[in-house]
Amino acid sequence: MKRLFHFTLLGLAACGILLSHLPSIAQTNFPQKTVRIVVPYPPGGATDVSARLLAGEMAKLLGQTVIVENKPGVAGVIGTDMVAKSPADGYTLVFGGPGNLTLRPIMDPNLSYKVDKDLASISHIVTYDHLLIVRNGLPVKNVQEFIKLAKERKLTYGSSGTGGPQHLAMELFNYMTQIELTHVPYKGESPALLDLVGDRIDAAILSTAVAGQLIKGGKVRVIAATNPYRSKTFPDLPTVAEAGVPGYEMVSYGGLMAPAATPPAVIIKLQTAAMAAMKVPSVQQQFYDAGLFPIGGSAADFTKLLRSEREKWAPIIKSSGATLE
């Protein structure tokens, strides 16, 4: 009997050691408290809107509160770095996109985080339409007139921040059309849009989610869609490529990530909730209504997308000469 008791204690001890090395098994009861999604940009942008639409439905599926917290700064770097260095327990996530996950990492070799080492994919949530927009006072109605005017006089453009997707999209446009627009960086899309409405800058590439209503209200003028396909919100609008810049395209995405060491079981639970949330018809309609296009892809899908985007943009950035200055 003592021998049996002895082996039972050894077995329990061994199980304890095993569980201590398998946090993913120990945390399958996740979540036990509020989950926080960090948006590394100011409120009101496409990333912010997407995160808030997702959070409400994920909260229902997880049975816990899911909040969105804005931590803007340095084109998404500050908030992303904070999440990368947070406890890897699944309670602090980042909603990222091209600026903080693809473009800035390519342009800044000394960046404080490495996407493929410090972060783990959860889900590819959304893609964004982007539009080439000009102020109403600018005497152009299409892409060719815009290019011609830019060659005749100095024009300015705004972006959501240096090294962000709107910055690089316009630098690519500069490179492909051989013009030199002067960059004016902002802390997010919304401030850039406000200055465009106020005639303080000449142009910008902004998401439909942010600019759509002001375009419909006649506050600014849209001249082309930057995606390789026509905008679903403005289907009669030509793409930049159709308007005379063949090969030009800018596709933007949004997805959810966690600190790299987050237990696999927690990642799976978050992925399951995110993908399920994006399949709810009412949620999909909310995305469409905001000019956003719901995806709800897996962690593997998002990791593959990030890899392909890095491979695409690295040579473009190098050949265009775009910098963080």
C-alpha atoms as a PDB file:
ATOM      1  CA  MET A   1       0.000   0.000   0.000  1.00  0.00           C
ATOM      2  CA  LYS A   2       2.870   2.363   0.865  1.00  0.00           C
ATOM      3  CA  ARG A   3       4.494   1.511  -2.469  1.00  0.00           C
ATOM      4  CA  LEU A   4       1.259   2.379  -4.329  1.00  0.00           C
ATOM      5  CA  PHE A   5       0.975   5.652  -2.390  1.00  0.00           C
ATOM      6  CA  HIS A   6       4.586   6.441  -3.225  1.00  0.00           C
ATOM      7  CA  PHE A   7       4.028   5.933  -6.957  1.00  0.00           C
ATOM      8  CA  THR A   8       0.818   7.961  -6.833  1.00  0.00           C
ATOM      9  CA  LEU A   9       2.699  10.921  -5.336  1.00  0.00           C
ATOM     10  CA  LEU A  10       5.386  10.578  -7.994  1.00  0.00           C
ATOM     11  CA  GLY A  11       2.748  10.515 -10.697  1.00  0.00           C
ATOM     12  CA  LEU A  12       1.053  13.635  -9.339  1.00  0.00           C
ATOM     13  CA  ALA A  13       4.389  15.400  -9.080  1.00  0.00           C
ATOM     14  CA  ALA A  14       5.208  14.468 -12.678  1.00  0.00           C
ATOM     15  CA  CYS A  15       1.842  15.807 -13.829  1.00  0.00           C
ATOM     16  CA  GLY A  16       2.533  19.063 -11.998  1.00  0.00           C
ATOM     17  CA  ILE A  17       5.874  19.427 -13.780  1.00  0.00           C
ATOM     18  CA  LEU A  18       4.258  18.647 -17.137  1.00  0.00           C
ATOM     19  CA  LEU A  19       1.482  21.205 -16.639  1.00  0.00           C
ATOM     20  CA  SER A  20       3.979  23.841 -15.570  1.00  0.00           C
ATOM     21  CA  HIS A  21       5.639  23.431 -18.977  1.00  0.00           C
ATOM     22  CA  LEU A  22       2.363  23.447 -20.873  1.00  0.00           C
ATOM     23  CA  PRO A  23       0.712  26.801 -20.100  1.00  0.00           C
ATOM     24  CA  SER A  24      -1.586  26.348 -23.095  1.00  0.00           C
ATOM     25  CA  ILE A  25      -3.271  23.422 -21.330  1.00  0.00           C
ATOM     26  CA  ALA A  26      -3.441  25.290 -18.042  1.00  0.00           C
ATOM     27  CA  GLN A  27      -5.115  28.316 -19.627  1.00  0.00           C
ATOM     28  CA  THR A  28      -7.933  26.710 -21.609  1.00  0.00           C
ATOM     29  CA  ASN A  29     -10.377  28.462 -19.229  1.00  0.00           C
ATOM     30  CA  PHE A  30      -9.296  31.765 -20.843  1.00  0.00           C
ATOM     31  CA  PRO A  31     -10.531  34.490 -20.561  1.00  0.00           C
ATOM     32  CA  GLN A  32     -11.116  35.208 -16.892  1.00  0.00           C
ATOM     33  CA  LYS A  33     -10.955  39.003 -17.149  1.00  0.00           C
ATOM     34  CA  THR A  34     -11.263  41.888 -19.618  1.00  0.00           C
ATOM     35  CA  VAL A  35      -9.428  41.523 -22.939  1.00  0.00           C
ATOM     36  CA  ARG A  36      -7.846  44.708 -24.282  1.00  0.00           C
ATOM     37  CA  ILE A  37      -7.340  45.442 -27.997  1.00  0.00           C
ATOM     38  CA  VAL A  38      -4.789  48.204 -28.485  1.00  0.00           C
ATOM     39  CA  VAL A  39      -5.249  50.376 -31.572  1.00  0.00           C
ATOM     40  CA  PRO A  40      -1.912  52.146 -32.155  1.00  0.00           C
ATOM     41  CA  TYR A  41      -3.597  55.062 -33.928  1.00  0.00           C
ATOM     42  CA  PRO A  42      -5.970  57.884 -32.905  1.00  0.00           C
ATOM     43  CA  PRO A  43      -9.747  57.332 -32.704  1.00  0.00           C
ATOM     44  CA  GLY A  44     -11.808  57.639 -35.861  1.00  0.00           C
ATOM     45  CA  GLY A  45      -9.534  55.931 -38.389  1.00  0.00           C
ATOM     46  CA  ALA A  46     -10.271  52.717 -40.284  1.00  0.00           C
ATOM     47  CA  THR A  47      -8.208  50.642 -37.836  1.00  0.00           C
ATOM     48  CA  ASP A  48     -10.075  52.085 -34.867  1.00  0.00           C
ATOM     49  CA  VAL A  49     -13.500  51.544 -36.467  1.00  0.00           C
ATOM     50  CA  SER A  50     -12.634  47.949 -37.380  1.00  0.00           C
ATOM     51  CA  ALA A  51     -11.372  47.112 -33.903  1.00  0.00           C
ATOM     52  CA  ARG A  52     -14.504  48.490 -32.237  1.00  0.00           C
ATOM     53  CA  LEU A  53     -16.858  46.600 -34.542  1.00  0.00           C
ATOM     54  CA  LEU A  54     -14.913  43.391 -33.861  1.00  0.00           C
ATOM     55  CA  ALA A  55     -14.633  43.889 -30.094  1.00  0.00           C
ATOM     56  CA  GLY A  56     -18.373  44.030 -29.458  1.00  0.00           C
ATOM     57  CA  GLU A  57     -19.062  40.680 -31.105  1.00  0.00           C
ATOM     58  CA  MET A  58     -15.948  38.987 -29.696  1.00  0.00           C
ATOM     59  CA  ALA A  59     -17.085  39.956 -26.184  1.00  0.00           C
ATOM     60  CA  LYS A  60     -20.311  38.017 -26.683  1.00  0.00           C
ATOM     61  CA  LEU A  61     -18.479  34.946 -27.954  1.00  0.00           C
ATOM     62  CA  LEU A  62     -15.781  34.990 -25.256  1.00  0.00           C
ATOM     63  CA  GLY A  63     -18.169  35.784 -22.419  1.00  0.00           C
ATOM     64  CA  GLN A  64     -15.929  38.610 -21.220  1.00  0.00           C
ATOM     65  CA  THR A  65     -15.624  42.339 -21.812  1.00  0.00           C
ATOM     66  CA  VAL A  66     -13.399  43.277 -24.759  1.00  0.00           C
ATOM     67  CA  ILE A  67     -12.299  46.914 -24.760  1.00  0.00           C
ATOM     68  CA  VAL A  68     -10.491  49.011 -27.365  1.00  0.00           C
ATOM     69  CA  GLU A  69      -7.738  51.351 -26.206  1.00  0.00           C
ATOM     70  CA  ASN A  70      -6.057  53.905 -28.467  1.00  0.00           C
ATOM     71  CA  LYS A  71      -2.288  54.247 -28.022  1.00  0.00           C
ATOM     72  CA  PRO A  72      -1.199  56.421 -30.971  1.00  0.00           C
ATOM     73  CA  GLY A  73       2.266  57.649 -31.814  1.00  0.00           C
ATOM     74  CA  VAL A  74       5.093  57.290 -34.373  1.00  0.00           C
ATOM     75  CA  ALA A  75       2.835  55.790 -37.082  1.00  0.00           C
ATOM     76  CA  GLY A  76       1.698  52.938 -34.857  1.00  0.00           C
ATOM     77  CA  VAL A  77       5.048  52.080 -33.297  1.00  0.00           C
ATOM     78  CA  ILE A  78       4.317  53.103 -29.691  1.00  0.00           C
ATOM     79  CA  GLY A  79       1.181  51.017 -29.229  1.00  0.00           C
ATOM     80  CA  THR A  80       2.578  48.020 -31.104  1.00  0.00           C
ATOM     81  CA  ASP A  81       5.786  48.029 -29.074  1.00  0.00           C
ATOM     82  CA  MET A  82       3.754  48.197 -25.852  1.00  0.00           C
ATOM     83  CA  VAL A  83       1.790  45.076 -26.821  1.00  0.00           C
ATOM     84  CA  ALA A  84       4.916  43.224 -27.968  1.00  0.00           C
ATOM     85  CA  LYS A  85       6.390  43.763 -24.491  1.00  0.00           C
ATOM     86  CA  SER A  86       3.153  42.975 -22.585  1.00  0.00           C
ATOM     87  CA  PRO A  87       2.576  39.724 -20.652  1.00  0.00           C
ATOM     88  CA  ALA A  88       1.920  36.915 -23.127  1.00  0.00           C
ATOM     89  CA  ASP A  89      -1.386  35.877 -21.589  1.00  0.00           C
ATOM     90  CA  GLY A  90      -3.876  36.862 -24.297  1.00  0.00           C
ATOM     91  CA  TYR A  91      -5.326  39.816 -22.407  1.00  0.00           C
ATOM     92  CA  THR A  92      -3.445  42.516 -24.366  1.00  0.00           C
ATOM     93  CA  LEU A  93      -3.697  42.395 -28.178  1.00  0.00           C
ATOM     94  CA  VAL A  94      -2.869  44.779 -31.009  1.00  0.00           C
ATOM     95  CA  PHE A  95      -4.939  45.582 -34.079  1.00  0.00           C
ATOM     96  CA  GLY A  96      -2.330  46.154 -36.751  1.00  0.00           C
ATOM     97  CA  GLY A  97      -2.024  47.031 -40.416  1.00  0.00           C
ATOM     98  CA  PRO A  98       0.528  47.906 -43.089  1.00  0.00           C
ATOM     99  CA  GLY A  99       2.045  50.839 -41.196  1.00  0.00           C
ATOM    100  CA  ASN A 100       3.065  49.098 -37.992  1.00  0.00           C
ATOM    101  CA  LEU A 101       3.380  45.532 -39.311  1.00  0.00           C
ATOM    102  CA  THR A 102       4.893  45.885 -42.801  1.00  0.00           C
ATOM    103  CA  LEU A 103       6.130  49.307 -43.862  1.00  0.00           C
ATOM    104  CA  ARG A 104       7.712  50.737 -40.721  1.00  0.00           C
ATOM    105  CA  PRO A 105       9.611  47.491 -40.014  1.00  0.00           C
ATOM    106  CA  ILE A 106      11.072  47.604 -43.549  1.00  0.00           C
ATOM    107  CA  MET A 107      12.071  51.260 -43.303  1.00  0.00           C
ATOM    108  CA  ASP A 108      13.496  51.180 -39.777  1.00  0.00           C
ATOM    109  CA  PRO A 109      16.031  48.392 -39.144  1.00  0.00           C
ATOM    110  CA  ASN A 110      16.389  49.611 -35.540  1.00  0.00           C
ATOM    111  CA  LEU A 111      12.688  49.313 -34.746  1.00  0.00           C
ATOM    112  CA  SER A 112      12.052  48.309 -31.125  1.00  0.00           C
ATOM    113  CA  TYR A 113      10.030  45.218 -32.091  1.00  0.00           C
ATOM    114  CA  LYS A 114      10.299  42.496 -34.734  1.00  0.00           C
ATOM    115  CA  VAL A 115       6.916  41.431 -36.094  1.00  0.00           C
ATOM    116  CA  ASP A 116       7.896  37.827 -36.851  1.00  0.00           C
ATOM    117  CA  LYS A 117       9.680  37.361 -33.497  1.00  0.00           C
ATOM    118  CA  ASP A 118       7.724  39.463 -31.006  1.00  0.00           C
ATOM    119  CA  LEU A 119       4.137  39.036 -32.217  1.00  0.00           C
ATOM    120  CA  ALA A 120       1.859  36.106 -33.050  1.00  0.00           C
ATOM    121  CA  SER A 121      -0.997  36.239 -35.567  1.00  0.00           C
ATOM    122  CA  ILE A 122      -4.584  35.679 -34.442  1.00  0.00           C
ATOM    123  CA  SER A 123      -6.743  36.597 -37.451  1.00  0.00           C
ATOM    124  CA  HIS A 124      -6.853  38.591 -40.668  1.00  0.00           C
ATOM    125  CA  ILE A 125      -9.906  40.727 -39.920  1.00  0.00           C
ATOM    126  CA  VAL A 126     -10.458  43.229 -42.715  1.00  0.00           C
ATOM    127  CA  THR A 127      -9.245  44.926 -45.884  1.00  0.00           C
ATOM    128  CA  TYR A 128      -9.645  48.651 -46.532  1.00  0.00           C
ATOM    129  CA  ASP A 129     -10.518  50.626 -49.642  1.00  0.00           C
ATOM    130  CA  HIS A 130      -8.336  53.700 -50.126  1.00  0.00           C
ATOM    131  CA  LEU A 131      -9.017  56.728 -52.289  1.00  0.00           C
ATOM    132  CA  LEU A 132      -6.960  59.506 -53.848  1.00  0.00           C
ATOM    133  CA  ILE A 133      -8.657  62.715 -52.671  1.00  0.00           C
ATOM    134  CA  VAL A 134      -8.003  66.406 -53.320  1.00  0.00           C
ATOM    135  CA  ARG A 135      -9.281  69.587 -51.714  1.00  0.00           C
ATOM    136  CA  ASN A 136     -12.255  71.189 -53.412  1.00  0.00           C
ATOM    137  CA  GLY A 137     -10.268  74.311 -54.292  1.00  0.00           C
ATOM    138  CA  LEU A 138      -7.700  72.396 -56.336  1.00  0.00           C
ATOM    139  CA  PRO A 139      -8.469  72.822 -60.065  1.00  0.00           C
ATOM    140  CA  VAL A 140      -8.327  69.121 -61.004  1.00  0.00           C
ATOM    141  CA  LYS A 141     -11.031  66.548 -61.634  1.00  0.00           C
ATOM    142  CA  ASN A 142      -9.022  63.437 -62.526  1.00  0.00           C
ATOM    143  CA  VAL A 143      -5.642  61.771 -62.078  1.00  0.00           C
ATOM    144  CA  GLN A 144      -4.067  63.112 -65.278  1.00  0.00           C
ATOM    145  CA  GLU A 145      -4.996  66.711 -64.420  1.00  0.00           C
ATOM    146  CA  PHE A 146      -3.571  66.168 -60.925  1.00  0.00           C
ATOM    147  CA  ILE A 147      -0.277  64.883 -62.314  1.00  0.00           C
ATOM    148  CA  LYS A 148      -0.063  67.783 -64.781  1.00  0.00           C
ATOM    149  CA  LEU A 149      -0.687  70.369 -62.041  1.00  0.00           C
ATOM    150  CA  ALA A 150       1.885  68.716 -59.738  1.00  0.00           C
ATOM    151  CA  LYS A 151       4.505  69.108 -62.464  1.00  0.00           C
ATOM    152  CA  GLU A 152       3.667  72.797 -62.810  1.00  0.00           C
ATOM    153  CA  ARG A 153       3.688  73.802 -59.153  1.00  0.00           C
ATOM    154  CA  LYS A 154       4.459  72.492 -55.681  1.00  0.00           C
ATOM    155  CA  LEU A 155       1.607  70.542 -54.105  1.00  0.00           C
ATOM    156  CA  THR A 156       1.300  69.013 -50.636  1.00  0.00           C
ATOM    157  CA  TYR A 157      -0.230  65.786 -49.396  1.00  0.00           C
ATOM    158  CA  GLY A 158      -1.168  64.543 -45.945  1.00  0.00           C
ATOM    159  CA  SER A 159      -0.856  61.086 -44.448  1.00  0.00           C
ATOM    160  CA  SER A 160      -1.620  59.246 -41.216  1.00  0.00           C
ATOM    161  CA  GLY A 161       2.075  59.426 -40.284  1.00  0.00           C
ATOM    162  CA  THR A 162       5.597  58.968 -41.589  1.00  0.00           C
ATOM    163  CA  GLY A 163       6.184  55.377 -42.651  1.00  0.00           C
ATOM    164  CA  GLY A 164       2.470  54.600 -42.663  1.00  0.00           C
ATOM    165  CA  PRO A 165       0.479  53.112 -45.557  1.00  0.00           C
ATOM    166  CA  GLN A 166      -0.875  56.429 -46.846  1.00  0.00           C
ATOM    167  CA  HIS A 167       2.633  57.907 -46.849  1.00  0.00           C
ATOM    168  CA  LEU A 168       4.097  54.985 -48.799  1.00  0.00           C
ATOM    169  CA  ALA A 169       1.117  54.806 -51.158  1.00  0.00           C
ATOM    170  CA  MET A 170       1.639  58.430 -52.158  1.00  0.00           C
ATOM    171  CA  GLU A 171       5.409  58.026 -52.395  1.00  0.00           C
ATOM    172  CA  LEU A 172       4.791  55.136 -54.782  1.00  0.00           C
ATOM    173  CA  PHE A 173       2.478  57.424 -56.770  1.00  0.00           C
ATOM    174  CA  ASN A 174       5.235  60.085 -56.817  1.00  0.00           C
ATOM    175  CA  TYR A 175       7.758  57.539 -58.057  1.00  0.00           C
ATOM    176  CA  MET A 176       5.543  56.064 -60.770  1.00  0.00           C
ATOM    177  CA  THR A 177       4.362  59.437 -62.119  1.00  0.00           C
ATOM    178  CA  GLN A 178       7.686  61.284 -61.683  1.00  0.00           C
ATOM    179  CA  ILE A 179       6.235  64.097 -59.586  1.00  0.00           C
ATOM    180  CA  GLU A 180       7.335  65.502 -56.213  1.00  0.00           C
ATOM    181  CA  LEU A 181       4.521  66.129 -53.760  1.00  0.00           C
ATOM    182  CA  THR A 182       5.569  67.493 -50.356  1.00  0.00           C
ATOM    183  CA  HIS A 183       4.672  65.192 -47.458  1.00  0.00           C
ATOM    184  CA  VAL A 184       2.819  66.574 -44.403  1.00  0.00           C
ATOM    185  CA  PRO A 185       2.519  63.810 -41.752  1.00  0.00           C
ATOM    186  CA  TYR A 186      -0.330  63.736 -39.205  1.00  0.00           C
ATOM    187  CA  LYS A 187      -1.136  61.605 -36.183  1.00  0.00           C
ATOM    188  CA  GLY A 188      -3.840  59.604 -37.926  1.00  0.00           C
ATOM    189  CA  GLU A 189      -6.148  59.845 -40.934  1.00  0.00           C
ATOM    190  CA  SER A 190      -8.821  62.060 -39.381  1.00  0.00           C
ATOM    191  CA  PRO A 191      -6.537  65.082 -38.718  1.00  0.00           C
ATOM    192  CA  ALA A 192      -5.247  64.844 -42.301  1.00  0.00           C
ATOM    193  CA  LEU A 193      -8.805  64.782 -43.618  1.00  0.00           C
ATOM    194  CA  LEU A 194      -9.756  67.833 -41.557  1.00  0.00           C
ATOM    195  CA  ASP A 195      -6.870  69.824 -43.037  1.00  0.00           C
ATOM    196  CA  LEU A 196      -7.848  68.644 -46.521  1.00  0.00           C
ATOM    197  CA  VAL A 197     -11.386  69.936 -45.931  1.00  0.00           C
ATOM    198  CA  GLY A 198      -9.885  73.183 -44.624  1.00  0.00           C
ATOM    199  CA  ASP A 199      -7.725  73.664 -47.779  1.00  0.00           C
ATOM    200  CA  ARG A 200      -4.515  73.481 -45.722  1.00  0.00           C
ATOM    201  CA  ILE A 201      -3.134  70.562 -47.793  1.00  0.00           C
ATOM    202  CA  ASP A 202      -3.797  69.710 -51.432  1.00  0.00           C
ATOM    203  CA  ALA A 203      -4.292  65.946 -51.459  1.00  0.00           C
ATOM    204  CA  ALA A 204      -4.246  62.696 -49.513  1.00  0.00           C
ATOM    205  CA  ILE A 205      -4.765  58.982 -49.884  1.00  0.00           C
ATOM    206  CA  LEU A 206      -7.276  58.023 -47.194  1.00  0.00           C
ATOM    207  CA  SER A 207      -9.549  55.094 -46.397  1.00  0.00           C
ATOM    208  CA  THR A 208     -13.163  55.081 -47.538  1.00  0.00           C
ATOM    209  CA  ALA A 209     -14.146  54.384 -43.930  1.00  0.00           C
ATOM    210  CA  VAL A 210     -12.756  57.752 -42.850  1.00  0.00           C
ATOM    211  CA  ALA A 211     -13.393  59.949 -45.909  1.00  0.00           C
ATOM    212  CA  GLY A 212     -16.504  58.404 -47.452  1.00  0.00           C
ATOM    213  CA  GLN A 213     -19.139  60.572 -45.786  1.00  0.00           C
ATOM    214  CA  LEU A 214     -17.308  63.842 -46.449  1.00  0.00           C
ATOM    215  CA  ILE A 215     -16.857  62.848 -50.083  1.00  0.00           C
ATOM    216  CA  LYS A 216     -20.588  62.150 -50.376  1.00  0.00           C
ATOM    217  CA  GLY A 217     -21.266  65.463 -48.655  1.00  0.00           C
ATOM    218  CA  GLY A 218     -19.149  67.352 -51.198  1.00  0.00           C
ATOM    219  CA  LYS A 219     -16.555  68.526 -48.668  1.00  0.00           C
ATOM    220  CA  VAL A 220     -13.645  67.032 -50.648  1.00  0.00           C
ATOM    221  CA  ARG A 221     -13.222  65.621 -54.169  1.00  0.00           C
ATOM    222  CA  VAL A 222     -12.256  62.013 -54.905  1.00  0.00           C
ATOM    223  CA  ILE A 223     -10.452  61.365 -58.204  1.00  0.00           C
ATOM    224  CA  ALA A 224      -9.468  57.669 -58.061  1.00  0.00           C
ATOM    225  CA  ALA A 225      -9.424  54.435 -56.060  1.00  0.00           C
ATOM    226  CA  THR A 226      -5.972  53.150 -55.124  1.00  0.00           C
ATOM    227  CA  ASN A 227      -6.942  49.480 -54.887  1.00  0.00           C
ATOM    228  CA  PRO A 228      -6.438  47.156 -57.872  1.00  0.00           C
ATOM    229  CA  TYR A 229     -10.252  46.890 -58.016  1.00  0.00           C
ATOM    230  CA  ARG A 230     -12.975  49.538 -58.081  1.00  0.00           C
ATOM    231  CA  SER A 231     -14.395  50.811 -54.812  1.00  0.00           C
ATOM    232  CA  LYS A 232     -17.648  49.165 -53.772  1.00  0.00           C
ATOM    233  CA  THR A 233     -18.694  52.474 -52.204  1.00  0.00           C
ATOM    234  CA  PHE A 234     -17.894  54.492 -55.346  1.00  0.00           C
ATOM    235  CA  PRO A 235     -18.200  51.942 -58.179  1.00  0.00           C
ATOM    236  CA  ASP A 236     -18.116  54.546 -60.982  1.00  0.00           C
ATOM    237  CA  LEU A 237     -14.748  55.829 -59.797  1.00  0.00           C
ATOM    238  CA  PRO A 238     -11.752  54.602 -61.850  1.00  0.00           C
ATOM    239  CA  THR A 239      -8.742  53.060 -60.157  1.00  0.00           C
ATOM    240  CA  VAL A 240      -5.423  54.908 -60.355  1.00  0.00           C
ATOM    241  CA  ALA A 241      -4.235  52.231 -62.787  1.00  0.00           C
ATOM    242  CA  GLU A 242      -7.308  52.704 -64.998  1.00  0.00           C
ATOM    243  CA  ALA A 243      -6.797  56.460 -64.859  1.00  0.00           C
ATOM    244  CA  GLY A 244      -3.399  56.272 -66.522  1.00  0.00           C
ATOM    245  CA  VAL A 245      -0.851  54.917 -64.028  1.00  0.00           C
ATOM    246  CA  PRO A 246      -0.681  51.233 -65.056  1.00  0.00           C
ATOM    247  CA  GLY A 247       0.546  48.831 -62.386  1.00  0.00           C
ATOM    248  CA  TYR A 248      -0.234  51.153 -59.484  1.00  0.00           C
ATOM    249  CA  GLU A 249      -2.058  49.597 -56.532  1.00  0.00           C
ATOM    250  CA  MET A 250      -2.290  50.008 -52.786  1.00  0.00           C
ATOM    251  CA  VAL A 251      -4.085  47.361 -50.733  1.00  0.00           C
ATOM    252  CA  SER A 252      -4.458  47.841 -46.991  1.00  0.00           C
ATOM    253  CA  TYR A 253      -5.351  45.266 -44.349  1.00  0.00           C
ATOM    254  CA  GLY A 254      -6.135  44.958 -40.659  1.00  0.00           C
ATOM    255  CA  GLY A 255      -5.538  42.042 -38.330  1.00  0.00           C
ATOM    256  CA  LEU A 256      -5.261  40.971 -34.729  1.00  0.00           C
ATOM    257  CA  MET A 257      -1.987  39.929 -33.042  1.00  0.00           C
ATOM    258  CA  ALA A 258      -0.759  38.964 -29.572  1.00  0.00           C
ATOM    259  CA  PRO A 259       2.660  38.844 -27.874  1.00  0.00           C
ATOM    260  CA  ALA A 260       4.712  36.026 -29.404  1.00  0.00           C
ATOM    261  CA  ALA A 261       4.852  33.734 -26.352  1.00  0.00           C
ATOM    262  CA  THR A 262       1.051  33.644 -25.894  1.00  0.00           C
ATOM    263  CA  PRO A 263       0.011  29.998 -25.266  1.00  0.00           C
ATOM    264  CA  PRO A 264      -1.277  28.213 -28.381  1.00  0.00           C
ATOM    265  CA  ALA A 265      -4.584  27.312 -26.695  1.00  0.00           C
ATOM    266  CA  VAL A 266      -5.229  31.005 -25.994  1.00  0.00           C
ATOM    267  CA  ILE A 267      -4.353  31.978 -29.583  1.00  0.00           C
ATOM    268  CA  ILE A 268      -6.757  29.318 -30.860  1.00  0.00           C
ATOM    269  CA  LYS A 269      -9.551  30.556 -28.615  1.00  0.00           C
ATOM    270  CA  LEU A 270      -9.036  34.155 -29.738  1.00  0.00           C
ATOM    271  CA  GLN A 271      -8.791  33.095 -33.376  1.00  0.00           C
ATOM    272  CA  THR A 272     -12.006  31.074 -33.106  1.00  0.00           C
ATOM    273  CA  ALA A 273     -13.859  34.016 -31.556  1.00  0.00           C
ATOM    274  CA  ALA A 274     -12.533  36.521 -34.112  1.00  0.00           C
ATOM    275  CA  MET A 275     -13.355  34.327 -37.098  1.00  0.00           C
ATOM    276  CA  ALA A 276     -16.827  33.553 -35.738  1.00  0.00           C
ATOM    277  CA  ALA A 277     -17.476  37.243 -35.068  1.00  0.00           C
ATOM    278  CA  MET A 278     -16.621  38.120 -38.653  1.00  0.00           C
ATOM    279  CA  LYS A 279     -19.114  35.564 -39.965  1.00  0.00           C
ATOM    280  CA  VAL A 280     -22.088  37.149 -38.178  1.00  0.00           C
ATOM    281  CA  PRO A 281     -24.232  38.787 -40.922  1.00  0.00           C
ATOM    282  CA  SER A 282     -25.057  41.895 -38.861  1.00  0.00           C
ATOM    283  CA  VAL A 283     -21.354  42.449 -38.120  1.00  0.00           C
ATOM    284  CA  GLN A 284     -20.438  42.014 -41.776  1.00  0.00           C
ATOM    285  CA  GLN A 285     -23.077  44.586 -42.720  1.00  0.00           C
ATOM    286  CA  GLN A 286     -21.657  47.059 -40.198  1.00  0.00           C
ATOM    287  CA  PHE A 287     -18.252  46.673 -41.830  1.00  0.00           C
ATOM    288  CA  TYR A 288     -19.695  47.170 -45.310  1.00  0.00           C
ATOM    289  CA  ASP A 289     -21.651  50.227 -44.163  1.00  0.00           C
ATOM    290  CA  ALA A 290     -18.393  51.752 -42.875  1.00  0.00           C
ATOM    291  CA  GLY A 291     -16.599  51.155 -46.189  1.00  0.00           C
ATOM    292  CA  LEU A 292     -14.685  48.185 -44.768  1.00  0.00           C
ATOM    293  CA  PHE A 293     -14.497  44.653 -46.150  1.00  0.00           C
ATOM    294  CA  PRO A 294     -14.747  41.812 -43.624  1.00  0.00           C
ATOM    295  CA  ILE A 295     -12.379  38.871 -44.036  1.00  0.00           C
ATOM    296  CA  GLY A 296     -12.210  36.813 -40.827  1.00  0.00           C
ATOM    297  CA  GLY A 297      -9.189  34.767 -41.915  1.00  0.00           C
ATOM    298  CA  SER A 298      -7.144  32.428 -39.745  1.00  0.00           C
ATOM    299  CA  ALA A 299      -3.860  33.083 -37.957  1.00  0.00           C
ATOM    300  CA  ALA A 300      -2.071  31.175 -40.712  1.00  0.00           C
ATOM    301  CA  ASP A 301      -3.763  33.345 -43.348  1.00  0.00           C
ATOM    302  CA  PHE A 302      -2.583  36.505 -41.627  1.00  0.00           C
ATOM    303  CA  THR A 303       0.984  35.263 -41.192  1.00  0.00           C
ATOM    304  CA  LYS A 304       1.107  34.388 -44.900  1.00  0.00           C
ATOM    305  CA  LEU A 305      -0.256  37.827 -45.837  1.00  0.00           C
ATOM    306  CA  LEU A 306       2.331  39.622 -43.683  1.00  0.00           C
ATOM    307  CA  ARG A 307       5.131  37.643 -45.317  1.00  0.00           C
ATOM    308  CA  SER A 308       3.902  38.380 -48.855  1.00  0.00           C
ATOM    309  CA  GLU A 309       3.425  42.087 -48.067  1.00  0.00           C
ATOM    310  CA  ARG A 310       6.997  42.358 -46.769  1.00  0.00           C
ATOM    311  CA  GLU A 311       8.309  40.684 -49.903  1.00  0.00           C
ATOM    312  CA  LYS A 312       6.257  43.028 -52.109  1.00  0.00           C
ATOM    313  CA  TRP A 313       7.028  46.335 -50.385  1.00  0.00           C
ATOM    314  CA  ALA A 314      10.736  45.924 -49.585  1.00  0.00           C
ATOM    315  CA  PRO A 315      11.946  46.367 -53.202  1.00  0.00           C
ATOM    316  CA  ILE A 316       9.356  49.105 -53.871  1.00  0.00           C
ATOM    317  CA  ILE A 317      10.560  51.129 -50.883  1.00  0.00           C
ATOM    318  CA  LYS A 318      14.181  50.649 -51.903  1.00  0.00           C
ATOM    319  CA  SER A 319      13.645  51.655 -55.526  1.00  0.00           C
ATOM    320  CA  SER A 320      11.382  54.608 -54.707  1.00  0.00           C
ATOM    321  CA  GLY A 321      13.871  56.078 -52.244  1.00  0.00           C
ATOM    322  CA  ALA A 322      11.151  56.649 -49.626  1.00  0.00           C
ATOM    323  CA  THR A 323      12.567  57.412 -46.176  1.00  0.00           C
ATOM    324  CA  LEU A 324      11.374  58.222 -42.667  1.00  0.00           C
ATOM    325  CA  GLU A 325      12.700  61.763 -42.960  1.00  0.00           C
END
